Amino acid sequence: MSDKERLVQFELLGQEHAFYTAAPEEEIESILSLVRSLVEIDTPKSSGTLPVSKVAILACLNIASRYVKLEQEFEEYREDSGSRIVRLNEEIKAKLYGE
């Protein structure tokens, strides 16, 4: 454990969990908030009780889905930005050199 790491303890689905991290407190709170909201969304309130492992898998799948979507959106953003930069570069050259 590095000097910057600290123990983070939290409760999820009635179970205590802990891990060491050097991440800033604000980031940890955002992460835990997201996980809690996904677990609450994925846990049907009206139909029996899902095993904790199934709830965890559903939350992981939800997070993975969001991650994949963000990756795709980022790649589209990179491609769009790249083509805009090329176009702007060509426009600047044309204005500077009268092409």
PDB file of N, CA and C in Angstrom:
ATOM      1  N   MET A   1       0.853  -1.186   0.000  1.00  0.00           N
ATOM      2  CA  MET A   1       0.000   0.000   0.000  1.00  0.00           C
ATOM      3  C   MET A   1       0.892   1.241   0.000  1.00  0.00           C
ATOM      4  N   SER A   2       0.608   2.173  -0.912  1.00  0.00           N
ATOM      5  CA  SER A   2       1.402   3.396  -0.973  1.00  0.00           C
ATOM      6  C   SER A   2       0.952   4.365   0.110  1.00  0.00           C
ATOM      7  N   ASP A   3       1.750   5.420   0.309  1.00  0.00           N
ATOM      8  CA  ASP A   3       1.436   6.414   1.337  1.00  0.00           C
ATOM      9  C   ASP A   3       0.127   7.133   1.058  1.00  0.00           C
ATOM     10  N   LYS A   4      -0.228   7.260  -0.205  1.00  0.00           N
ATOM     11  CA  LYS A   4      -1.413   8.018  -0.574  1.00  0.00           C
ATOM     12  C   LYS A   4      -2.690   7.181  -0.478  1.00  0.00           C
ATOM     13  N   GLU A   5      -2.552   5.861  -0.430  1.00  0.00           N
ATOM     14  CA  GLU A   5      -3.742   5.012  -0.388  1.00  0.00           C
ATOM     15  C   GLU A   5      -4.396   5.065   0.979  1.00  0.00           C
ATOM     16  N   ARG A   6      -5.707   4.882   0.957  1.00  0.00           N
ATOM     17  CA  ARG A   6      -6.465   4.842   2.205  1.00  0.00           C
ATOM     18  C   ARG A   6      -7.556   3.786   2.068  1.00  0.00           C
ATOM     19  N   LEU A   7      -8.045   3.352   3.184  1.00  0.00           N
ATOM     20  CA  LEU A   7      -9.094   2.344   3.212  1.00  0.00           C
ATOM     21  C   LEU A   7     -10.440   3.025   3.039  1.00  0.00           C
ATOM     22  N   VAL A   8     -11.225   2.533   2.098  1.00  0.00           N
ATOM     23  CA  VAL A   8     -12.587   3.025   1.888  1.00  0.00           C
ATOM     24  C   VAL A   8     -13.527   1.889   2.264  1.00  0.00           C
ATOM     25  N   GLN A   9     -14.455   2.174   3.160  1.00  0.00           N
ATOM     26  CA  GLN A   9     -15.439   1.178   3.582  1.00  0.00           C
ATOM     27  C   GLN A   9     -16.817   1.675   3.185  1.00  0.00           C
ATOM     28  N   PHE A  10     -17.651   0.754   2.702  1.00  0.00           N
ATOM     29  CA  PHE A  10     -19.006   1.125   2.314  1.00  0.00           C
ATOM     30  C   PHE A  10     -19.915  -0.086   2.433  1.00  0.00           C
ATOM     31  N   GLU A  11     -21.212   0.191   2.478  1.00  0.00           N
ATOM     32  CA  GLU A  11     -22.216  -0.868   2.539  1.00  0.00           C
ATOM     33  C   GLU A  11     -22.980  -0.884   1.223  1.00  0.00           C
ATOM     34  N   LEU A  12     -23.217  -2.078   0.726  1.00  0.00           N
ATOM     35  CA  LEU A  12     -23.977  -2.248  -0.505  1.00  0.00           C
ATOM     36  C   LEU A  12     -24.775  -3.534  -0.386  1.00  0.00           C
ATOM     37  N   LEU A  13     -26.063  -3.437  -0.585  1.00  0.00           N
ATOM     38  CA  LEU A  13     -26.960  -4.586  -0.504  1.00  0.00           C
ATOM     39  C   LEU A  13     -26.839  -5.310   0.836  1.00  0.00           C
ATOM     40  N   GLY A  14     -26.711  -4.521   1.880  1.00  0.00           N
ATOM     41  CA  GLY A  14     -26.660  -5.088   3.224  1.00  0.00           C
ATOM     42  C   GLY A  14     -25.345  -5.743   3.593  1.00  0.00           C
ATOM     43  N   GLN A  15     -24.332  -5.601   2.757  1.00  0.00           N
ATOM     44  CA  GLN A  15     -23.028  -6.187   3.042  1.00  0.00           C
ATOM     45  C   GLN A  15     -21.972  -5.096   3.119  1.00  0.00           C
ATOM     46  N   GLU A  16     -21.054  -5.279   4.053  1.00  0.00           N
ATOM     47  CA  GLU A  16     -19.948  -4.339   4.203  1.00  0.00           C
ATOM     48  C   GLU A  16     -18.829  -4.708   3.228  1.00  0.00           C
ATOM     49  N   HIS A  17     -18.255  -3.697   2.603  1.00  0.00           N
ATOM     50  CA  HIS A  17     -17.155  -3.891   1.660  1.00  0.00           C
ATOM     51  C   HIS A  17     -16.074  -2.871   1.980  1.00  0.00           C
ATOM     52  N   ALA A  18     -14.842  -3.198   1.597  1.00  0.00           N
ATOM     53  CA  ALA A  18     -13.731  -2.272   1.820  1.00  0.00           C
ATOM     54  C   ALA A  18     -12.677  -2.494   0.749  1.00  0.00           C
ATOM     55  N   PHE A  19     -11.986  -1.412   0.417  1.00  0.00           N
ATOM     56  CA  PHE A  19     -10.871  -1.501  -0.515  1.00  0.00           C
ATOM     57  C   PHE A  19      -9.931  -0.330  -0.268  1.00  0.00           C
ATOM     58  N   TYR A  20      -8.708  -0.498  -0.740  1.00  0.00           N
ATOM     59  CA  TYR A  20      -7.717   0.565  -0.625  1.00  0.00           C
ATOM     60  C   TYR A  20      -7.635   1.293  -1.953  1.00  0.00           C
ATOM     61  N   THR A  21      -7.502   2.607  -1.874  1.00  0.00           N
ATOM     62  CA  THR A  21      -7.410   3.410  -3.085  1.00  0.00           C
ATOM     63  C   THR A  21      -6.680   4.717  -2.807  1.00  0.00           C
ATOM     64  N   ALA A  22      -6.090   5.251  -3.850  1.00  0.00           N
ATOM     65  CA  ALA A  22      -5.470   6.575  -3.787  1.00  0.00           C
ATOM     66  C   ALA A  22      -6.339   7.602  -4.507  1.00  0.00           C
ATOM     67  N   ALA A  23      -7.491   7.159  -5.004  1.00  0.00           N
ATOM     68  CA  ALA A  23      -8.389   8.066  -5.733  1.00  0.00           C
ATOM     69  C   ALA A  23      -8.915   9.153  -4.795  1.00  0.00           C
ATOM     70  N   PRO A  24      -9.155  10.341  -5.335  1.00  0.00           N
ATOM     71  CA  PRO A  24      -9.697  11.429  -4.523  1.00  0.00           C
ATOM     72  C   PRO A  24     -11.080  11.079  -3.964  1.00  0.00           C
ATOM     73  N   GLU A  25     -11.390  11.649  -2.827  1.00  0.00           N
ATOM     74  CA  GLU A  25     -12.664  11.376  -2.149  1.00  0.00           C
ATOM     75  C   GLU A  25     -13.861  11.657  -3.055  1.00  0.00           C
ATOM     76  N   GLU A  26     -13.805  12.755  -3.792  1.00  0.00           N
ATOM     77  CA  GLU A  26     -14.914  13.116  -4.683  1.00  0.00           C
ATOM     78  C   GLU A  26     -15.138  12.032  -5.737  1.00  0.00           C
ATOM     79  N   GLU A  27     -14.053  11.486  -6.276  1.00  0.00           N
ATOM     80  CA  GLU A  27     -14.158  10.426  -7.281  1.00  0.00           C
ATOM     81  C   GLU A  27     -14.763   9.160  -6.673  1.00  0.00           C
ATOM     82  N   ILE A  28     -14.325   8.810  -5.483  1.00  0.00           N
ATOM     83  CA  ILE A  28     -14.858   7.620  -4.807  1.00  0.00           C
ATOM     84  C   ILE A  28     -16.344   7.792  -4.553  1.00  0.00           C
ATOM     85  N   GLU A  29     -16.753   8.963  -4.084  1.00  0.00           N
ATOM     86  CA  GLU A  29     -18.173   9.211  -3.827  1.00  0.00           C
ATOM     87  C   GLU A  29     -18.990   9.091  -5.111  1.00  0.00           C
ATOM     88  N   SER A  30     -18.461   9.601  -6.220  1.00  0.00           N
ATOM     89  CA  SER A  30     -19.160   9.485  -7.504  1.00  0.00           C
ATOM     90  C   SER A  30     -19.287   8.026  -7.931  1.00  0.00           C
ATOM     91  N   ILE A  31     -18.217   7.273  -7.754  1.00  0.00           N
ATOM     92  CA  ILE A  31     -18.231   5.853  -8.123  1.00  0.00           C
ATOM     93  C   ILE A  31     -19.262   5.097  -7.286  1.00  0.00           C
ATOM     94  N   LEU A  32     -19.205   5.287  -5.977  1.00  0.00           N
ATOM     95  CA  LEU A  32     -20.133   4.578  -5.099  1.00  0.00           C
ATOM     96  C   LEU A  32     -21.577   4.991  -5.362  1.00  0.00           C
ATOM     97  N   SER A  33     -21.780   6.257  -5.646  1.00  0.00           N
ATOM     98  CA  SER A  33     -23.127   6.736  -5.965  1.00  0.00           C
ATOM     99  C   SER A  33     -23.658   6.069  -7.231  1.00  0.00           C
ATOM    100  N   LEU A  34     -22.807   5.970  -8.255  1.00  0.00           N
ATOM    101  CA  LEU A  34     -23.205   5.313  -9.497  1.00  0.00           C
ATOM    102  C   LEU A  34     -23.542   3.850  -9.260  1.00  0.00           C
ATOM    103  N   VAL A  35     -22.679   3.146  -8.535  1.00  0.00           N
ATOM    104  CA  VAL A  35     -22.924   1.728  -8.265  1.00  0.00           C
ATOM    105  C   VAL A  35     -24.216   1.555  -7.482  1.00  0.00           C
ATOM    106  N   ARG A  36     -24.419   2.381  -6.466  1.00  0.00           N
ATOM    107  CA  ARG A  36     -25.660   2.269  -5.679  1.00  0.00           C
ATOM    108  C   ARG A  36     -26.893   2.529  -6.543  1.00  0.00           C
ATOM    109  N   SER A  37     -26.813   3.528  -7.414  1.00  0.00           N
ATOM    110  CA  SER A  37     -27.976   3.826  -8.251  1.00  0.00           C
ATOM    111  C   SER A  37     -28.244   2.691  -9.232  1.00  0.00           C
ATOM    112  N   LEU A  38     -27.196   2.073  -9.757  1.00  0.00           N
ATOM    113  CA  LEU A  38     -27.379   0.952 -10.676  1.00  0.00           C
ATOM    114  C   LEU A  38     -27.951  -0.265  -9.962  1.00  0.00           C
ATOM    115  N   VAL A  39     -27.507  -0.486  -8.752  1.00  0.00           N
ATOM    116  CA  VAL A  39     -28.009  -1.626  -7.984  1.00  0.00           C
ATOM    117  C   VAL A  39     -29.475  -1.417  -7.645  1.00  0.00           C
ATOM    118  N   GLU A  40     -29.828  -0.191  -7.288  1.00  0.00           N
ATOM    119  CA  GLU A  40     -31.231   0.099  -6.979  1.00  0.00           C
ATOM    120  C   GLU A  40     -32.105  -0.040  -8.214  1.00  0.00           C
ATOM    121  N   ILE A  41     -31.621   0.394  -9.370  1.00  0.00           N
ATOM    122  CA  ILE A  41     -32.373   0.284 -10.622  1.00  0.00           C
ATOM    123  C   ILE A  41     -32.539  -1.176 -11.006  1.00  0.00           C
ATOM    124  N   ASP A  42     -31.471  -1.960 -10.840  1.00  0.00           N
ATOM    125  CA  ASP A  42     -31.481  -3.348 -11.272  1.00  0.00           C
ATOM    126  C   ASP A  42     -32.175  -4.282 -10.291  1.00  0.00           C
ATOM    127  N   THR A  43     -32.544  -3.795  -9.132  1.00  0.00           N
ATOM    128  CA  THR A  43     -33.196  -4.640  -8.147  1.00  0.00           C
ATOM    129  C   THR A  43     -34.692  -4.402  -8.195  1.00  0.00           C
ATOM    130  N   PRO A  44     -35.451  -5.332  -8.766  1.00  0.00           N
ATOM    131  CA  PRO A  44     -36.901  -5.130  -8.823  1.00  0.00           C
ATOM    132  C   PRO A  44     -37.495  -5.128  -7.419  1.00  0.00           C
ATOM    133  N   LYS A  45     -38.267  -4.119  -7.120  1.00  0.00           N
ATOM    134  CA  LYS A  45     -38.836  -3.987  -5.783  1.00  0.00           C
ATOM    135  C   LYS A  45     -40.093  -4.844  -5.621  1.00  0.00           C
ATOM    136  N   SER A  46     -40.774  -5.091  -6.717  1.00  0.00           N
ATOM    137  CA  SER A  46     -42.061  -5.759  -6.610  1.00  0.00           C
ATOM    138  C   SER A  46     -41.982  -7.273  -6.768  1.00  0.00           C
ATOM    139  N   SER A  47     -40.893  -7.790  -7.305  1.00  0.00           N
ATOM    140  CA  SER A  47     -40.864  -9.215  -7.593  1.00  0.00           C
ATOM    141  C   SER A  47     -39.754  -9.920  -6.845  1.00  0.00           C
ATOM    142  N   GLY A  48     -40.021 -10.373  -5.646  1.00  0.00           N
ATOM    143  CA  GLY A  48     -39.083 -11.201  -4.901  1.00  0.00           C
ATOM    144  C   GLY A  48     -37.725 -10.566  -4.710  1.00  0.00           C
ATOM    145  N   THR A  49     -36.793 -11.399  -4.294  1.00  0.00           N
ATOM    146  CA  THR A  49     -35.447 -10.919  -4.027  1.00  0.00           C
ATOM    147  C   THR A  49     -34.468 -11.603  -4.963  1.00  0.00           C
ATOM    148  N   LEU A  50     -33.656 -10.791  -5.620  1.00  0.00           N
ATOM    149  CA  LEU A  50     -32.607 -11.332  -6.475  1.00  0.00           C
ATOM    150  C   LEU A  50     -31.389 -11.636  -5.611  1.00  0.00           C
ATOM    151  N   PRO A  51     -30.673 -12.708  -5.929  1.00  0.00           N
ATOM    152  CA  PRO A  51     -29.421 -12.959  -5.204  1.00  0.00           C
ATOM    153  C   PRO A  51     -28.451 -11.797  -5.438  1.00  0.00           C
ATOM    154  N   VAL A  52     -27.652 -11.513  -4.423  1.00  0.00           N
ATOM    155  CA  VAL A  52     -26.693 -10.408  -4.505  1.00  0.00           C
ATOM    156  C   VAL A  52     -25.782 -10.583  -5.713  1.00  0.00           C
ATOM    157  N   SER A  53     -25.379 -11.811  -5.999  1.00  0.00           N
ATOM    158  CA  SER A  53     -24.481 -12.040  -7.130  1.00  0.00           C
ATOM    159  C   SER A  53     -25.138 -11.645  -8.453  1.00  0.00           C
ATOM    160  N   LYS A  54     -26.429 -11.907  -8.592  1.00  0.00           N
ATOM    161  CA  LYS A  54     -27.126 -11.553  -9.820  1.00  0.00           C
ATOM    162  C   LYS A  54     -27.245 -10.026  -9.942  1.00  0.00           C
ATOM    163  N   VAL A  55     -27.541  -9.365  -8.848  1.00  0.00           N
ATOM    164  CA  VAL A  55     -27.610  -7.898  -8.849  1.00  0.00           C
ATOM    165  C   VAL A  55     -26.248  -7.318  -9.234  1.00  0.00           C
ATOM    166  N   ALA A  56     -25.187  -7.890  -8.681  1.00  0.00           N
ATOM    167  CA  ALA A  56     -23.839  -7.411  -9.002  1.00  0.00           C
ATOM    168  C   ALA A  56     -23.532  -7.606 -10.485  1.00  0.00           C
ATOM    169  N   ILE A  57     -23.906  -8.756 -11.036  1.00  0.00           N
ATOM    170  CA  ILE A  57     -23.668  -9.017 -12.463  1.00  0.00           C
ATOM    171  C   ILE A  57     -24.455  -8.037 -13.318  1.00  0.00           C
ATOM    172  N   LEU A  58     -25.710  -7.789 -12.958  1.00  0.00           N
ATOM    173  CA  LEU A  58     -26.529  -6.838 -13.722  1.00  0.00           C
ATOM    174  C   LEU A  58     -25.923  -5.431 -13.674  1.00  0.00           C
ATOM    175  N   ALA A  59     -25.438  -5.028 -12.505  1.00  0.00           N
ATOM    176  CA  ALA A  59     -24.805  -3.710 -12.380  1.00  0.00           C
ATOM    177  C   ALA A  59     -23.530  -3.655 -13.224  1.00  0.00           C
ATOM    178  N   CYS A  60     -22.738  -4.730 -13.202  1.00  0.00           N
ATOM    179  CA  CYS A  60     -21.515  -4.782 -14.025  1.00  0.00           C
ATOM    180  C   CYS A  60     -21.843  -4.687 -15.507  1.00  0.00           C
ATOM    181  N   LEU A  61     -22.873  -5.392 -15.928  1.00  0.00           N
ATOM    182  CA  LEU A  61     -23.271  -5.332 -17.334  1.00  0.00           C
ATOM    183  C   LEU A  61     -23.718  -3.921 -17.707  1.00  0.00           C
ATOM    184  N   ASN A  62     -24.439  -3.268 -16.816  1.00  0.00           N
ATOM    185  CA  ASN A  62     -24.889  -1.903 -17.063  1.00  0.00           C
ATOM    186  C   ASN A  62     -23.688  -0.965 -17.194  1.00  0.00           C
ATOM    187  N   ILE A  63     -22.736  -1.102 -16.293  1.00  0.00           N
ATOM    188  CA  ILE A  63     -21.535  -0.262 -16.337  1.00  0.00           C
ATOM    189  C   ILE A  63     -20.745  -0.547 -17.612  1.00  0.00           C
ATOM    190  N   ALA A  64     -20.588  -1.823 -17.964  1.00  0.00           N
ATOM    191  CA  ALA A  64     -19.860  -2.183 -19.180  1.00  0.00           C
ATOM    192  C   ALA A  64     -20.549  -1.613 -20.407  1.00  0.00           C
ATOM    193  N   SER A  65     -21.873  -1.645 -20.417  1.00  0.00           N
ATOM    194  CA  SER A  65     -22.631  -1.087 -21.533  1.00  0.00           C
ATOM    195  C   SER A  65     -22.366   0.409 -21.663  1.00  0.00           C
ATOM    196  N   ARG A  66     -22.383   1.109 -20.551  1.00  0.00           N
ATOM    197  CA  ARG A  66     -22.104   2.546 -20.570  1.00  0.00           C
ATOM    198  C   ARG A  66     -20.683   2.818 -21.048  1.00  0.00           C
ATOM    199  N   TYR A  67     -19.742   1.991 -20.606  1.00  0.00           N
ATOM    200  CA  TYR A  67     -18.350   2.163 -20.993  1.00  0.00           C
ATOM    201  C   TYR A  67     -18.174   1.976 -22.499  1.00  0.00           C
ATOM    202  N   VAL A  68     -18.758   0.926 -23.035  1.00  0.00           N
ATOM    203  CA  VAL A  68     -18.654   0.661 -24.466  1.00  0.00           C
ATOM    204  C   VAL A  68     -19.270   1.802 -25.260  1.00  0.00           C
ATOM    205  N   LYS A  69     -20.409   2.301 -24.818  1.00  0.00           N
ATOM    206  CA  LYS A  69     -21.055   3.425 -25.506  1.00  0.00           C
ATOM    207  C   LYS A  69     -20.158   4.659 -25.462  1.00  0.00           C
ATOM    208  N   LEU A  70     -19.549   4.942 -24.311  1.00  0.00           N
ATOM    209  CA  LEU A  70     -18.638   6.082 -24.204  1.00  0.00           C
ATOM    210  C   LEU A  70     -17.421   5.911 -25.103  1.00  0.00           C
ATOM    211  N   GLU A  71     -16.898   4.684 -25.186  1.00  0.00           N
ATOM    212  CA  GLU A  71     -15.777   4.430 -26.093  1.00  0.00           C
ATOM    213  C   GLU A  71     -16.162   4.737 -27.535  1.00  0.00           C
ATOM    214  N   GLN A  72     -17.340   4.279 -27.937  1.00  0.00           N
ATOM    215  CA  GLN A  72     -17.802   4.521 -29.302  1.00  0.00           C
ATOM    216  C   GLN A  72     -18.000   6.013 -29.550  1.00  0.00           C
ATOM    217  N   GLU A  73     -18.608   6.703 -28.599  1.00  0.00           N
ATOM    218  CA  GLU A  73     -18.826   8.140 -28.749  1.00  0.00           C
ATOM    219  C   GLU A  73     -17.493   8.882 -28.810  1.00  0.00           C
ATOM    220  N   PHE A  74     -16.525   8.448 -28.002  1.00  0.00           N
ATOM    221  CA  PHE A  74     -15.215   9.094 -28.011  1.00  0.00           C
ATOM    222  C   PHE A  74     -14.519   8.875 -29.344  1.00  0.00           C
ATOM    223  N   GLU A  75     -14.604   7.670 -29.890  1.00  0.00           N
ATOM    224  CA  GLU A  75     -13.985   7.390 -31.187  1.00  0.00           C
ATOM    225  C   GLU A  75     -14.623   8.252 -32.278  1.00  0.00           C
ATOM    226  N   GLU A  76     -15.943   8.385 -32.242  1.00  0.00           N
ATOM    227  CA  GLU A  76     -16.629   9.253 -33.209  1.00  0.00           C
ATOM    228  C   GLU A  76     -16.171  10.700 -33.045  1.00  0.00           C
ATOM    229  N   TYR A  77     -16.025  11.135 -31.795  1.00  0.00           N
ATOM    230  CA  TYR A  77     -15.558  12.491 -31.508  1.00  0.00           C
ATOM    231  C   TYR A  77     -14.144  12.690 -32.051  1.00  0.00           C
ATOM    232  N   ARG A  78     -13.253  11.714 -31.824  1.00  0.00           N
ATOM    233  CA  ARG A  78     -11.885  11.804 -32.328  1.00  0.00           C
ATOM    234  C   ARG A  78     -11.852  11.903 -33.835  1.00  0.00           C
ATOM    235  N   GLU A  79     -12.631  11.053 -34.508  1.00  0.00           N
ATOM    236  CA  GLU A  79     -12.658  11.073 -35.967  1.00  0.00           C
ATOM    237  C   GLU A  79     -13.202  12.398 -36.478  1.00  0.00           C
ATOM    238  N   ASP A  80     -14.277  12.878 -35.864  1.00  0.00           N
ATOM    239  CA  ASP A  80     -14.872  14.151 -36.269  1.00  0.00           C
ATOM    240  C   ASP A  80     -13.893  15.300 -36.030  1.00  0.00           C
ATOM    241  N   SER A  81     -13.244  15.302 -34.865  1.00  0.00           N
ATOM    242  CA  SER A  81     -12.273  16.363 -34.557  1.00  0.00           C
ATOM    243  C   SER A  81     -11.102  16.319 -35.527  1.00  0.00           C
ATOM    244  N   GLY A  82     -10.639  15.106 -35.843  1.00  0.00           N
ATOM    245  CA  GLY A  82      -9.523  14.967 -36.776  1.00  0.00           C
ATOM    246  C   GLY A  82      -9.862  15.523 -38.136  1.00  0.00           C
ATOM    247  N   SER A  83     -11.056  15.213 -38.631  1.00  0.00           N
ATOM    248  CA  SER A  83     -11.436  15.715 -39.959  1.00  0.00           C
ATOM    249  C   SER A  83     -11.643  17.233 -39.922  1.00  0.00           C
ATOM    250  N   ARG A  84     -12.153  17.758 -38.827  1.00  0.00           N
ATOM    251  CA  ARG A  84     -12.298  19.218 -38.704  1.00  0.00           C
ATOM    252  C   ARG A  84     -10.944  19.905 -38.690  1.00  0.00           C
ATOM    253  N   ILE A  85      -9.983  19.312 -37.989  1.00  0.00           N
ATOM    254  CA  ILE A  85      -8.644  19.901 -37.920  1.00  0.00           C
ATOM    255  C   ILE A  85      -8.005  19.913 -39.305  1.00  0.00           C
ATOM    256  N   VAL A  86      -8.136  18.817 -40.035  1.00  0.00           N
ATOM    257  CA  VAL A  86      -7.584  18.755 -41.393  1.00  0.00           C
ATOM    258  C   VAL A  86      -8.227  19.825 -42.262  1.00  0.00           C
ATOM    259  N   ARG A  87      -9.559  19.943 -42.182  1.00  0.00           N
ATOM    260  CA  ARG A  87     -10.270  20.931 -42.998  1.00  0.00           C
ATOM    261  C   ARG A  87      -9.845  22.351 -42.622  1.00  0.00           C
ATOM    262  N   LEU A  88      -9.754  22.645 -41.330  1.00  0.00           N
ATOM    263  CA  LEU A  88      -9.338  23.982 -40.903  1.00  0.00           C
ATOM    264  C   LEU A  88      -7.906  24.275 -41.337  1.00  0.00           C
ATOM    265  N   ASN A  89      -7.044  23.277 -41.233  1.00  0.00           N
ATOM    266  CA  ASN A  89      -5.666  23.429 -41.664  1.00  0.00           C
ATOM    267  C   ASN A  89      -5.600  23.779 -43.146  1.00  0.00           C
ATOM    268  N   GLU A  90      -6.402  23.093 -43.941  1.00  0.00           N
ATOM    269  CA  GLU A  90      -6.440  23.369 -45.385  1.00  0.00           C
ATOM    270  C   GLU A  90      -6.973  24.775 -45.656  1.00  0.00           C
ATOM    271  N   GLU A  91      -7.992  25.192 -44.912  1.00  0.00           N
ATOM    272  CA  GLU A  91      -8.539  26.542 -45.089  1.00  0.00           C
ATOM    273  C   GLU A  91      -7.502  27.604 -44.721  1.00  0.00           C
ATOM    274  N   ILE A  92      -6.768  27.359 -43.632  1.00  0.00           N
ATOM    275  CA  ILE A  92      -5.741  28.316 -43.208  1.00  0.00           C
ATOM    276  C   ILE A  92      -4.642  28.405 -44.260  1.00  0.00           C
ATOM    277  N   LYS A  93      -4.184  27.269 -44.759  1.00  0.00           N
ATOM    278  CA  LYS A  93      -3.152  27.271 -45.807  1.00  0.00           C
ATOM    279  C   LYS A  93      -3.641  28.009 -47.043  1.00  0.00           C
ATOM    280  N   ALA A  94      -4.883  27.781 -47.412  1.00  0.00           N
ATOM    281  CA  ALA A  94      -5.432  28.434 -48.604  1.00  0.00           C
ATOM    282  C   ALA A  94      -5.440  29.949 -48.410  1.00  0.00           C
ATOM    283  N   LYS A  95      -5.802  30.422 -47.237  1.00  0.00           N
ATOM    284  CA  LYS A  95      -5.856  31.861 -46.983  1.00  0.00           C
ATOM    285  C   LYS A  95      -4.466  32.469 -46.888  1.00  0.00           C
ATOM    286  N   LEU A  96      -3.541  31.713 -46.293  1.00  0.00           N
ATOM    287  CA  LEU A  96      -2.177  32.229 -46.131  1.00  0.00           C
ATOM    288  C   LEU A  96      -1.402  32.240 -47.446  1.00  0.00           C
ATOM    289  N   TYR A  97      -1.586  31.191 -48.222  1.00  0.00           N
ATOM    290  CA  TYR A  97      -0.788  31.044 -49.433  1.00  0.00           C
ATOM    291  C   TYR A  97      -1.593  31.272 -50.709  1.00  0.00           C
ATOM    292  N   GLY A  98      -2.841  31.645 -50.556  1.00  0.00           N
ATOM    293  CA  GLY A  98      -3.674  31.953 -51.714  1.00  0.00           C
ATOM    294  C   GLY A  98      -3.923  30.751 -52.625  1.00  0.00           C
ATOM    295  N   GLU A  99      -3.978  29.599 -52.022  1.00  0.00           N
ATOM    296  CA  GLU A  99      -4.206  28.360 -52.821  1.00  0.00           C
ATOM    297  C   GLU A  99      -5.653  28.186 -53.156  1.00  0.00           C
TER     298      GLU A  99
END
